[in-house]
Amino acid sequence: FDRTGPYTTWPMDAVQSAMSAGLPNAAAQVSFSGSLTENLDNLEANGRGFFGWKNRWLESNNWKTSLGNPRVDLVAFGYHHPLMTLVDNDIVRQQIRDHRDKYLQTWNRSGVPARTYS
C-alpha cells in the first residue's frame, strides 16, 4: 500500500495546489501503463486497497490550463511498458493497440483518435 498516494491522489493534489496558487498553466504529465491500470483494478476489486483509485483522475478530466491544454495529461506508451526499440514491430503495434483500448476504457478522456492503425 506504499504506492497508494502516487496512484490515487498526489498528482492531482499537486496540480490543484498550483491552480490555487494562481498558476494558469501549471500542469503535469503522468504515465500509466495498461498493465499498471489492470493491476490497480484487480487490487481494488479484490479488496486489497486502492478503493476508488480512479476517482481523482476522472475528476481531473476537464481541468484545463489557460491555453486549453490538459492540466493532468496521461502519457501513452506500450501496455506492458516494453522497451519498444528492442521488440518486433508487430509486438509494438499490439502493445500500442492494447494500451489505447485500456486507456479509452478506463479514463474516458477526449483527444484520443479513433483506431487508425493496422
C-alpha atoms as a PDB file:
ATOM      1  CA  PHE A   1       0.000   0.000   0.000  1.00  0.00           C
ATOM      2  CA  ASP A   2       3.031   2.277  -0.006  1.00  0.00           C
ATOM      3  CA  ARG A   3       2.190   3.398  -3.558  1.00  0.00           C
ATOM      4  CA  THR A   4      -1.394   4.431  -2.873  1.00  0.00           C
ATOM      5  CA  GLY A   5      -0.768   8.191  -2.921  1.00  0.00           C
ATOM      6  CA  PRO A   6       1.109   8.372  -6.230  1.00  0.00           C
ATOM      7  CA  TYR A   7      -1.528   6.234  -7.929  1.00  0.00           C
ATOM      8  CA  THR A   8      -4.607   7.842  -6.412  1.00  0.00           C
ATOM      9  CA  THR A   9      -4.270  11.496  -5.398  1.00  0.00           C
ATOM     10  CA  TRP A  10      -0.814  13.054  -5.269  1.00  0.00           C
ATOM     11  CA  PRO A  11      -0.523  14.207  -8.906  1.00  0.00           C
ATOM     12  CA  MET A  12      -3.939  15.868  -8.821  1.00  0.00           C
ATOM     13  CA  ASP A  13      -3.242  17.356  -5.382  1.00  0.00           C
ATOM     14  CA  ALA A  14      -0.055  18.958  -6.738  1.00  0.00           C
ATOM     15  CA  VAL A  15      -1.804  20.365  -9.810  1.00  0.00           C
ATOM     16  CA  GLN A  16      -4.732  21.600  -7.753  1.00  0.00           C
ATOM     17  CA  SER A  17      -2.313  23.316  -5.372  1.00  0.00           C
ATOM     18  CA  ALA A  18      -0.685  25.079  -8.339  1.00  0.00           C
ATOM     19  CA  MET A  19      -4.123  26.105  -9.593  1.00  0.00           C
ATOM     20  CA  SER A  20      -4.961  27.556  -6.168  1.00  0.00           C
ATOM     21  CA  ALA A  21      -1.659  29.460  -6.237  1.00  0.00           C
ATOM     22  CA  GLY A  22      -2.824  31.222  -9.402  1.00  0.00           C
ATOM     23  CA  LEU A  23      -0.525  29.447 -11.860  1.00  0.00           C
ATOM     24  CA  PRO A  24      -2.630  29.497 -15.048  1.00  0.00           C
ATOM     25  CA  ASN A  25      -0.566  26.969 -16.994  1.00  0.00           C
ATOM     26  CA  ALA A  26       0.644  24.620 -14.276  1.00  0.00           C
ATOM     27  CA  ALA A  27       0.156  21.024 -15.337  1.00  0.00           C
ATOM     28  CA  ALA A  28       1.608  17.532 -15.040  1.00  0.00           C
ATOM     29  CA  GLN A  29       2.192  14.592 -17.322  1.00  0.00           C
ATOM     30  CA  VAL A  30       1.766  11.149 -15.814  1.00  0.00           C
ATOM     31  CA  SER A  31       2.348   7.791 -17.421  1.00  0.00           C
ATOM     32  CA  PHE A  32       0.125   4.819 -16.691  1.00  0.00           C
ATOM     33  CA  SER A  33       0.817   1.565 -18.449  1.00  0.00           C
ATOM     34  CA  GLY A  34      -2.144  -0.612 -19.308  1.00  0.00           C
ATOM     35  CA  SER A  35      -0.742  -3.362 -17.109  1.00  0.00           C
ATOM     36  CA  LEU A  36      -0.444  -0.992 -14.121  1.00  0.00           C
ATOM     37  CA  THR A  37      -4.045   0.080 -14.629  1.00  0.00           C
ATOM     38  CA  GLU A  38      -5.082  -3.564 -14.803  1.00  0.00           C
ATOM     39  CA  ASN A  39      -3.155  -4.379 -11.608  1.00  0.00           C
ATOM     40  CA  LEU A  40      -4.726  -1.486  -9.676  1.00  0.00           C
ATOM     41  CA  ASP A  41      -8.182  -2.516 -10.907  1.00  0.00           C
ATOM     42  CA  ASN A  42      -7.514  -6.071  -9.677  1.00  0.00           C
ATOM     43  CA  LEU A  43      -6.250  -4.887  -6.289  1.00  0.00           C
ATOM     44  CA  GLU A  44      -9.330  -2.713  -5.884  1.00  0.00           C
ATOM     45  CA  ALA A  45     -11.708  -5.495  -6.981  1.00  0.00           C
ATOM     46  CA  ASN A  46     -10.158  -7.926  -4.510  1.00  0.00           C
ATOM     47  CA  GLY A  47     -10.283  -5.563  -1.540  1.00  0.00           C
ATOM     48  CA  ARG A  48      -6.521  -5.077  -1.433  1.00  0.00           C
ATOM     49  CA  GLY A  49      -6.649  -1.296  -1.163  1.00  0.00           C
ATOM     50  CA  PHE A  50      -6.962   1.290  -3.906  1.00  0.00           C
ATOM     51  CA  PHE A  51     -10.727   1.630  -3.420  1.00  0.00           C
ATOM     52  CA  GLY A  52     -11.907   4.377  -5.772  1.00  0.00           C
ATOM     53  CA  TRP A  53      -8.368   4.885  -7.055  1.00  0.00           C
ATOM     54  CA  LYS A  54      -9.574   6.365 -10.370  1.00  0.00           C
ATOM     55  CA  ASN A  55     -11.876   8.982  -8.830  1.00  0.00           C
ATOM     56  CA  ARG A  56      -9.399  11.873  -8.683  1.00  0.00           C
ATOM     57  CA  TRP A  57      -8.023  11.013 -12.128  1.00  0.00           C
ATOM     58  CA  LEU A  58     -11.520  11.154 -13.577  1.00  0.00           C
ATOM     59  CA  GLU A  59     -12.224  14.373 -11.670  1.00  0.00           C
ATOM     60  CA  SER A  60      -9.244  15.975 -13.428  1.00  0.00           C
ATOM     61  CA  ASN A  61     -10.503  15.074 -16.925  1.00  0.00           C
ATOM     62  CA  ASN A  62     -11.778  18.579 -17.602  1.00  0.00           C
ATOM     63  CA  TRP A  63      -9.088  20.616 -15.855  1.00  0.00           C
ATOM     64  CA  LYS A  64      -7.503  22.868 -18.471  1.00  0.00           C
ATOM     65  CA  THR A  65      -4.708  25.413 -18.487  1.00  0.00           C
ATOM     66  CA  SER A  66      -5.384  28.966 -19.636  1.00  0.00           C
ATOM     67  CA  LEU A  67      -4.188  27.795 -23.052  1.00  0.00           C
ATOM     68  CA  GLY A  68      -6.755  24.975 -23.140  1.00  0.00           C
ATOM     69  CA  ASN A  69      -4.284  22.134 -22.535  1.00  0.00           C
ATOM     70  CA  PRO A  70      -4.953  19.319 -20.075  1.00  0.00           C
ATOM     71  CA  ARG A  71      -3.762  20.070 -16.542  1.00  0.00           C
ATOM     72  CA  VAL A  72      -3.276  16.353 -15.921  1.00  0.00           C
ATOM     73  CA  ASP A  73      -2.111  14.698 -19.106  1.00  0.00           C
ATOM     74  CA  LEU A  74      -1.877  10.906 -19.175  1.00  0.00           C
ATOM     75  CA  VAL A  75       1.026   9.844 -21.373  1.00  0.00           C
ATOM     76  CA  ALA A  76       0.590   6.765 -23.530  1.00  0.00           C
ATOM     77  CA  PHE A  77       3.106   4.026 -24.248  1.00  0.00           C
ATOM     78  CA  GLY A  78       3.123   0.238 -24.559  1.00  0.00           C
ATOM     79  CA  TYR A  79       0.667  -1.785 -22.481  1.00  0.00           C
ATOM     80  CA  HIS A  80       3.389  -3.651 -20.585  1.00  0.00           C
ATOM     81  CA  HIS A  81       5.888  -0.754 -20.800  1.00  0.00           C
ATOM     82  CA  PRO A  82       8.303  -2.594 -23.108  1.00  0.00           C
ATOM     83  CA  LEU A  83      11.489  -1.098 -24.477  1.00  0.00           C
ATOM     84  CA  MET A  84       9.940  -0.567 -27.897  1.00  0.00           C
ATOM     85  CA  THR A  85      13.227  -0.490 -29.824  1.00  0.00           C
ATOM     86  CA  LEU A  86      14.040  -3.967 -28.551  1.00  0.00           C
ATOM     87  CA  VAL A  87      10.835  -5.724 -29.634  1.00  0.00           C
ATOM     88  CA  ASP A  88       9.450  -6.707 -33.013  1.00  0.00           C
ATOM     89  CA  ASN A  89       7.268  -4.192 -34.893  1.00  0.00           C
ATOM     90  CA  ASP A  90       4.237  -6.481 -34.628  1.00  0.00           C
ATOM     91  CA  ILE A  91       4.633  -6.527 -30.854  1.00  0.00           C
ATOM     92  CA  VAL A  92       4.993  -2.726 -30.808  1.00  0.00           C
ATOM     93  CA  ARG A  93       1.719  -2.364 -32.696  1.00  0.00           C
ATOM     94  CA  GLN A  94      -0.034  -4.830 -30.370  1.00  0.00           C
ATOM     95  CA  GLN A  95       1.291  -3.015 -27.278  1.00  0.00           C
ATOM     96  CA  ILE A  96       0.002   0.307 -28.613  1.00  0.00           C
ATOM     97  CA  ARG A  97      -3.395  -1.177 -29.539  1.00  0.00           C
ATOM     98  CA  ASP A  98      -3.794  -2.808 -26.137  1.00  0.00           C
ATOM     99  CA  HIS A  99      -2.779   0.354 -24.307  1.00  0.00           C
ATOM    100  CA  ARG A 100      -5.127   2.536 -26.326  1.00  0.00           C
ATOM    101  CA  ASP A 101      -8.037   0.175 -25.678  1.00  0.00           C
ATOM    102  CA  LYS A 102      -7.335   0.137 -21.925  1.00  0.00           C
ATOM    103  CA  TYR A 103      -6.879   3.920 -21.900  1.00  0.00           C
ATOM    104  CA  LEU A 104     -10.221   4.546 -23.595  1.00  0.00           C
ATOM    105  CA  GLN A 105     -11.990   2.006 -21.385  1.00  0.00           C
ATOM    106  CA  THR A 106     -10.535   3.399 -18.167  1.00  0.00           C
ATOM    107  CA  TRP A 107     -10.075   7.141 -18.429  1.00  0.00           C
ATOM    108  CA  ASN A 108     -12.956   8.487 -20.517  1.00  0.00           C
ATOM    109  CA  ARG A 109     -10.716  11.265 -21.813  1.00  0.00           C
ATOM    110  CA  SER A 110     -11.162  13.142 -25.041  1.00  0.00           C
ATOM    111  CA  GLY A 111      -8.467  13.812 -27.585  1.00  0.00           C
ATOM    112  CA  VAL A 112      -7.610  10.186 -28.309  1.00  0.00           C
ATOM    113  CA  PRO A 113      -8.056   9.497 -32.005  1.00  0.00           C
ATOM    114  CA  ALA A 114     -10.081   6.542 -33.168  1.00  0.00           C
ATOM    115  CA  ARG A 115      -8.248   3.408 -34.193  1.00  0.00           C
ATOM    116  CA  THR A 116      -6.483   4.194 -37.431  1.00  0.00           C
ATOM    117  CA  TYR A 117      -3.671   1.685 -37.199  1.00  0.00           C
ATOM    118  CA  SER A 118      -3.442  -1.835 -38.560  1.00  0.00           C
END
